[in-house]
């Protein structure tokens, strides 16, 4: 069947309805439902993120500063900053985040993005 000429508005409308009918039958109709696994992942991620932030703050506040390896920077006389080496917690956190990013990227390259 060739492309219809659309001699009349009725014929063009019939072809439009024909094309749209294919789009309506591609998806399986389903009733609304809760995807509990998705909710568990969401809340699990938020709880893990909150725990990591709390642990990081606790570790940051309870760790004594090492001897000053670097001079204290002062900005305008009111703000000061002491540079120092990164803590073990921060290094482990960065390694975990980098590993998670590698897993996501490699997984998407191998299996594609599945949403």
N, C-alpha and C. Protein backbone atom coordinates (compact mmCIF):
# COMPACT_ATOMS: atom_id res chain seq x y z
N UNK A 1 0.85 -1.17 0.00
CA UNK A 1 0.00 0.00 0.00
C UNK A 1 0.89 1.23 0.00
N UNK A 2 0.66 2.08 -0.95
CA UNK A 2 1.44 3.30 -1.05
C UNK A 2 0.91 4.35 -0.08
N UNK A 3 1.62 5.43 -0.01
CA UNK A 3 1.22 6.53 0.84
C UNK A 3 -0.07 7.14 0.30
N UNK A 4 -1.11 7.30 1.13
CA UNK A 4 -2.34 7.88 0.62
C UNK A 4 -2.13 9.34 0.23
N UNK A 5 -2.88 9.74 -0.72
CA UNK A 5 -2.71 11.09 -1.26
C UNK A 5 -3.35 12.13 -0.36
N UNK A 6 -4.33 11.75 0.40
CA UNK A 6 -4.99 12.74 1.24
C UNK A 6 -5.83 13.69 0.42
N UNK A 7 -6.56 13.10 -0.52
CA UNK A 7 -7.38 13.94 -1.40
C UNK A 7 -8.44 14.70 -0.62
N UNK A 8 -8.89 14.10 0.46
CA UNK A 8 -9.93 14.77 1.25
C UNK A 8 -9.51 14.73 2.72
N UNK A 9 -10.04 15.64 3.52
CA UNK A 9 -9.74 15.59 4.95
C UNK A 9 -10.17 14.28 5.61
N UNK A 10 -11.25 13.67 5.11
CA UNK A 10 -11.71 12.41 5.69
C UNK A 10 -10.70 11.29 5.46
N UNK A 11 -10.11 11.24 4.26
CA UNK A 11 -9.14 10.20 3.95
C UNK A 11 -7.86 10.38 4.79
N UNK A 12 -7.41 11.62 4.95
CA UNK A 12 -6.23 11.89 5.78
C UNK A 12 -6.51 11.53 7.24
N UNK A 13 -7.72 11.80 7.69
CA UNK A 13 -8.08 11.48 9.08
C UNK A 13 -8.12 9.96 9.29
N UNK A 14 -8.63 9.23 8.30
CA UNK A 14 -8.66 7.77 8.41
C UNK A 14 -7.24 7.20 8.50
N UNK A 15 -6.31 7.74 7.70
CA UNK A 15 -4.92 7.25 7.75
C UNK A 15 -4.28 7.60 9.09
N UNK A 16 -4.57 8.77 9.61
CA UNK A 16 -4.06 9.18 10.92
C UNK A 16 -4.58 8.23 12.00
N UNK A 17 -5.86 7.91 11.97
CA UNK A 17 -6.43 6.97 12.94
C UNK A 17 -5.80 5.59 12.81
N UNK A 18 -5.53 5.17 11.58
CA UNK A 18 -4.89 3.88 11.35
C UNK A 18 -3.50 3.84 11.99
N UNK A 19 -2.72 4.89 11.80
CA UNK A 19 -1.38 4.93 12.40
C UNK A 19 -1.46 4.97 13.92
N UNK A 20 -2.38 5.73 14.48
CA UNK A 20 -2.50 5.82 15.92
C UNK A 20 -2.98 4.52 16.55
N UNK A 21 -3.75 3.73 15.82
CA UNK A 21 -4.24 2.47 16.38
C UNK A 21 -3.09 1.51 16.65
N UNK A 22 -2.00 1.60 15.87
CA UNK A 22 -0.84 0.75 16.14
C UNK A 22 -0.17 1.15 17.45
N UNK A 23 -0.11 2.43 17.75
CA UNK A 23 0.51 2.89 18.99
C UNK A 23 -0.29 2.46 20.21
N UNK A 24 -1.59 2.37 20.07
CA UNK A 24 -2.43 2.01 21.21
C UNK A 24 -2.31 0.54 21.59
N UNK A 25 -1.91 -0.32 20.66
CA UNK A 25 -1.86 -1.76 20.94
C UNK A 25 -0.45 -2.24 21.28
N UNK A 26 0.54 -1.33 21.35
CA UNK A 26 1.91 -1.77 21.64
C UNK A 26 2.12 -2.06 23.12
N UNK A 27 1.45 -1.35 23.99
CA UNK A 27 1.66 -1.50 25.43
C UNK A 27 0.58 -2.40 26.02
N UNK A 28 0.97 -3.15 27.02
CA UNK A 28 0.03 -4.02 27.72
C UNK A 28 -0.69 -3.19 28.78
N UNK A 29 -2.00 -3.16 28.79
CA UNK A 29 -2.69 -2.39 29.82
C UNK A 29 -2.53 -3.04 31.18
N UNK A 30 -2.31 -2.21 32.18
CA UNK A 30 -2.13 -2.72 33.54
C UNK A 30 -2.77 -1.74 34.51
N UNK A 31 -3.28 -2.27 35.59
CA UNK A 31 -3.86 -1.40 36.60
C UNK A 31 -2.73 -0.80 37.44
N UNK A 32 -3.04 0.22 38.18
CA UNK A 32 -2.06 0.89 39.02
C UNK A 32 -1.69 -0.01 40.17
N UNK A 33 -0.40 -0.07 40.49
CA UNK A 33 0.06 -0.86 41.61
C UNK A 33 1.35 -0.25 42.16
N UNK A 34 1.68 -0.63 43.36
CA UNK A 34 2.89 -0.14 44.03
C UNK A 34 4.04 -1.09 43.72
N UNK A 35 5.17 -0.54 43.32
CA UNK A 35 6.36 -1.35 43.07
C UNK A 35 7.21 -1.29 44.34
N UNK A 36 7.02 -2.29 45.19
CA UNK A 36 7.64 -2.29 46.51
C UNK A 36 9.15 -2.38 46.43
N UNK A 37 9.68 -3.09 45.46
CA UNK A 37 11.13 -3.19 45.34
C UNK A 37 11.74 -1.82 45.03
N UNK A 38 11.09 -1.05 44.18
CA UNK A 38 11.59 0.29 43.88
C UNK A 38 11.55 1.19 45.11
N UNK A 39 10.48 1.08 45.88
CA UNK A 39 10.40 1.86 47.12
C UNK A 39 11.47 1.43 48.12
N UNK A 40 11.73 0.13 48.19
CA UNK A 40 12.76 -0.36 49.10
C UNK A 40 14.14 0.16 48.69
N UNK A 41 14.42 0.18 47.39
CA UNK A 41 15.70 0.73 46.92
C UNK A 41 15.80 2.21 47.25
N UNK A 42 14.72 2.95 47.03
CA UNK A 42 14.74 4.39 47.30
C UNK A 42 15.00 4.66 48.78
N UNK A 43 14.22 4.04 49.65
CA UNK A 43 14.38 4.29 51.08
C UNK A 43 15.68 3.71 51.61
N UNK A 44 16.11 2.58 51.06
CA UNK A 44 17.40 2.03 51.46
C UNK A 44 18.55 2.96 51.11
N UNK A 45 18.47 3.55 49.92
CA UNK A 45 19.51 4.50 49.51
C UNK A 45 19.50 5.73 50.42
N UNK A 46 18.32 6.25 50.73
CA UNK A 46 18.25 7.43 51.58
C UNK A 46 18.74 7.14 53.00
N UNK A 47 18.39 5.96 53.53
CA UNK A 47 18.87 5.59 54.86
C UNK A 47 20.38 5.40 54.86
N UNK A 48 20.91 4.73 53.83
CA UNK A 48 22.36 4.54 53.75
C UNK A 48 23.08 5.88 53.61
N UNK A 49 22.53 6.79 52.82
CA UNK A 49 23.14 8.10 52.67
C UNK A 49 23.12 8.88 53.98
N UNK A 50 22.01 8.81 54.71
CA UNK A 50 21.93 9.50 55.99
C UNK A 50 22.93 8.91 56.99
N UNK A 51 23.06 7.58 57.02
CA UNK A 51 24.03 6.95 57.92
C UNK A 51 25.46 7.34 57.58
N UNK A 52 25.76 7.38 56.29
CA UNK A 52 27.11 7.76 55.87
C UNK A 52 27.40 9.20 56.28
N UNK A 53 26.45 10.09 56.10
CA UNK A 53 26.65 11.49 56.49
C UNK A 53 26.83 11.61 58.01
N UNK A 54 26.02 10.89 58.76
CA UNK A 54 26.14 10.93 60.23
C UNK A 54 27.49 10.38 60.67
N UNK A 55 27.91 9.24 60.10
CA UNK A 55 29.21 8.67 60.45
C UNK A 55 30.36 9.61 60.06
N UNK A 56 30.23 10.23 58.90
CA UNK A 56 31.27 11.15 58.46
C UNK A 56 31.37 12.36 59.40
N UNK A 57 30.21 12.91 59.77
CA UNK A 57 30.24 14.04 60.69
C UNK A 57 30.80 13.64 62.05
N UNK A 58 30.40 12.47 62.54
CA UNK A 58 30.92 11.99 63.83
C UNK A 58 32.43 11.80 63.77
N UNK A 59 32.90 11.18 62.69
CA UNK A 59 34.34 10.96 62.53
C UNK A 59 35.07 12.28 62.38
N UNK A 60 34.51 13.20 61.62
CA UNK A 60 35.17 14.48 61.37
C UNK A 60 35.29 15.29 62.66
N UNK A 61 34.24 15.26 63.49
CA UNK A 61 34.24 16.03 64.73
C UNK A 61 35.04 15.38 65.84
N UNK A 62 35.18 14.05 65.81
CA UNK A 62 35.87 13.37 66.91
C UNK A 62 37.35 13.12 66.63
N UNK A 63 37.81 13.35 65.42
CA UNK A 63 39.21 13.11 65.09
C UNK A 63 40.03 14.35 65.42
N UNK A 64 41.12 14.13 66.12
CA UNK A 64 42.00 15.26 66.45
C UNK A 64 42.77 15.67 65.20
N UNK A 65 43.00 16.95 65.10
CA UNK A 65 43.80 17.46 63.99
C UNK A 65 45.26 17.06 64.21
N UNK A 66 45.89 16.69 63.15
CA UNK A 66 47.31 16.37 63.22
C UNK A 66 48.10 17.68 63.35
N UNK A 67 49.36 17.51 63.60
CA UNK A 67 50.22 18.70 63.66
C UNK A 67 50.14 19.43 62.34
N UNK A 68 50.19 20.72 62.39
CA UNK A 68 50.00 21.55 61.20
C UNK A 68 51.10 21.28 60.17
N UNK A 69 50.72 20.58 59.11
CA UNK A 69 51.66 20.36 58.02
C UNK A 69 51.67 21.55 57.07
N UNK A 70 50.58 22.26 57.07
CA UNK A 70 50.43 23.38 56.16
C UNK A 70 50.07 24.61 56.98
N UNK A 71 50.43 25.78 56.50
CA UNK A 71 50.07 26.99 57.26
C UNK A 71 48.57 27.24 57.19
N UNK A 72 48.08 27.95 58.19
CA UNK A 72 46.66 28.29 58.24
C UNK A 72 46.39 29.43 57.26
N UNK A 73 45.42 29.22 56.37
CA UNK A 73 45.04 30.28 55.42
C UNK A 73 44.02 31.17 56.09
N UNK A 74 44.18 32.48 55.95
CA UNK A 74 43.21 33.43 56.50
C UNK A 74 42.67 34.28 55.37
N UNK A 75 41.36 34.46 55.37
CA UNK A 75 40.70 35.24 54.34
C UNK A 75 40.03 36.43 55.00
N UNK A 76 40.55 37.61 54.78
CA UNK A 76 39.94 38.83 55.30
C UNK A 76 40.01 38.94 56.82
N UNK A 77 40.76 38.11 57.48
CA UNK A 77 40.90 38.18 58.91
C UNK A 77 39.80 37.49 59.69
N UNK A 78 38.68 37.13 59.03
CA UNK A 78 37.55 36.52 59.73
C UNK A 78 37.48 35.01 59.52
N UNK A 79 37.84 34.57 58.35
CA UNK A 79 37.71 33.16 58.01
C UNK A 79 39.09 32.54 57.89
N UNK A 80 39.25 31.37 58.48
CA UNK A 80 40.53 30.67 58.37
C UNK A 80 40.26 29.23 57.94
N UNK A 81 41.27 28.65 57.33
CA UNK A 81 41.14 27.29 56.86
C UNK A 81 42.46 26.58 57.07
N UNK A 82 42.40 25.40 57.65
CA UNK A 82 43.59 24.61 57.88
C UNK A 82 43.56 23.42 56.93
N UNK A 83 44.49 23.37 56.02
CA UNK A 83 44.56 22.26 55.09
C UNK A 83 45.30 21.11 55.76
N UNK A 84 44.89 19.93 55.43
CA UNK A 84 45.54 18.76 56.01
C UNK A 84 45.28 17.54 55.14
N UNK A 85 45.89 16.43 55.45
CA UNK A 85 45.67 15.22 54.65
C UNK A 85 44.24 14.70 54.83
N UNK A 86 43.77 13.99 53.83
CA UNK A 86 42.43 13.42 53.88
C UNK A 86 42.39 12.28 54.91
N UNK A 87 41.25 12.14 55.56
CA UNK A 87 41.09 11.07 56.55
C UNK A 87 40.83 9.74 55.85
N UNK A 88 41.02 8.67 56.57
CA UNK A 88 40.78 7.33 56.02
C UNK A 88 39.32 7.15 55.62
N UNK A 89 38.40 7.71 56.42
CA UNK A 89 36.98 7.60 56.11
C UNK A 89 36.67 8.24 54.76
N UNK A 90 37.24 9.43 54.52
CA UNK A 90 36.99 10.14 53.27
C UNK A 90 37.55 9.36 52.08
N UNK A 91 38.73 8.79 52.25
CA UNK A 91 39.34 8.01 51.17
C UNK A 91 38.49 6.78 50.87
N UNK A 92 38.04 6.06 51.90
CA UNK A 92 37.18 4.89 51.68
C UNK A 92 35.86 5.28 51.03
N UNK A 93 35.29 6.39 51.46
CA UNK A 93 34.04 6.87 50.86
C UNK A 93 34.23 7.15 49.37
N UNK A 94 35.32 7.80 49.01
CA UNK A 94 35.59 8.09 47.60
C UNK A 94 35.81 6.82 46.79
N UNK A 95 36.48 5.84 47.38
CA UNK A 95 36.70 4.56 46.68
C UNK A 95 35.38 3.84 46.45
N UNK A 96 34.50 3.84 47.45
CA UNK A 96 33.19 3.18 47.31
C UNK A 96 32.35 3.88 46.24
N UNK A 97 32.33 5.20 46.24
CA UNK A 97 31.56 5.93 45.23
C UNK A 97 32.12 5.67 43.83
N UNK A 98 33.44 5.67 43.69
CA UNK A 98 34.06 5.40 42.38
C UNK A 98 33.74 3.98 41.91
N UNK A 99 33.80 3.00 42.82
CA UNK A 99 33.48 1.62 42.45
C UNK A 99 32.01 1.50 42.03
N UNK A 100 31.13 2.18 42.73
CA UNK A 100 29.70 2.16 42.37
C UNK A 100 29.50 2.75 40.98
N UNK A 101 30.20 3.83 40.66
CA UNK A 101 30.08 4.45 39.33
C UNK A 101 30.59 3.50 38.25
N UNK A 102 31.69 2.80 38.52
CA UNK A 102 32.22 1.84 37.54
C UNK A 102 31.23 0.71 37.31
N UNK A 103 30.63 0.20 38.38
CA UNK A 103 29.63 -0.87 38.24
C UNK A 103 28.45 -0.40 37.39
N UNK A 104 27.96 0.81 37.64
CA UNK A 104 26.84 1.32 36.85
C UNK A 104 27.21 1.49 35.39
N UNK A 105 28.38 2.06 35.12
CA UNK A 105 28.78 2.31 33.74
C UNK A 105 29.01 1.00 32.99
N UNK A 106 29.74 0.08 33.59
CA UNK A 106 29.99 -1.20 32.93
C UNK A 106 28.70 -1.98 32.75
N UNK A 107 27.84 -1.95 33.77
CA UNK A 107 26.55 -2.64 33.64
C UNK A 107 25.70 -2.08 32.51
N UNK A 108 25.68 -0.76 32.35
CA UNK A 108 24.91 -0.16 31.27
C UNK A 108 25.54 -0.46 29.91
N UNK A 109 26.85 -0.54 29.85
CA UNK A 109 27.50 -0.87 28.58
C UNK A 109 27.25 -2.32 28.19
N UNK A 110 27.21 -3.21 29.17
CA UNK A 110 27.03 -4.63 28.86
C UNK A 110 25.56 -4.97 28.62
N UNK A 111 24.69 -4.57 29.53
CA UNK A 111 23.28 -4.97 29.45
C UNK A 111 22.36 -3.86 28.96
N UNK A 112 22.86 -2.68 28.77
CA UNK A 112 22.01 -1.57 28.35
C UNK A 112 21.28 -1.00 29.54
N UNK A 113 20.70 0.14 29.31
CA UNK A 113 19.94 0.80 30.39
C UNK A 113 18.57 0.18 30.47
N UNK A 114 18.30 -0.43 31.61
CA UNK A 114 17.00 -1.07 31.82
C UNK A 114 16.25 -0.26 32.87
N UNK A 115 15.22 0.39 32.46
CA UNK A 115 14.42 1.20 33.38
C UNK A 115 13.02 0.65 33.45
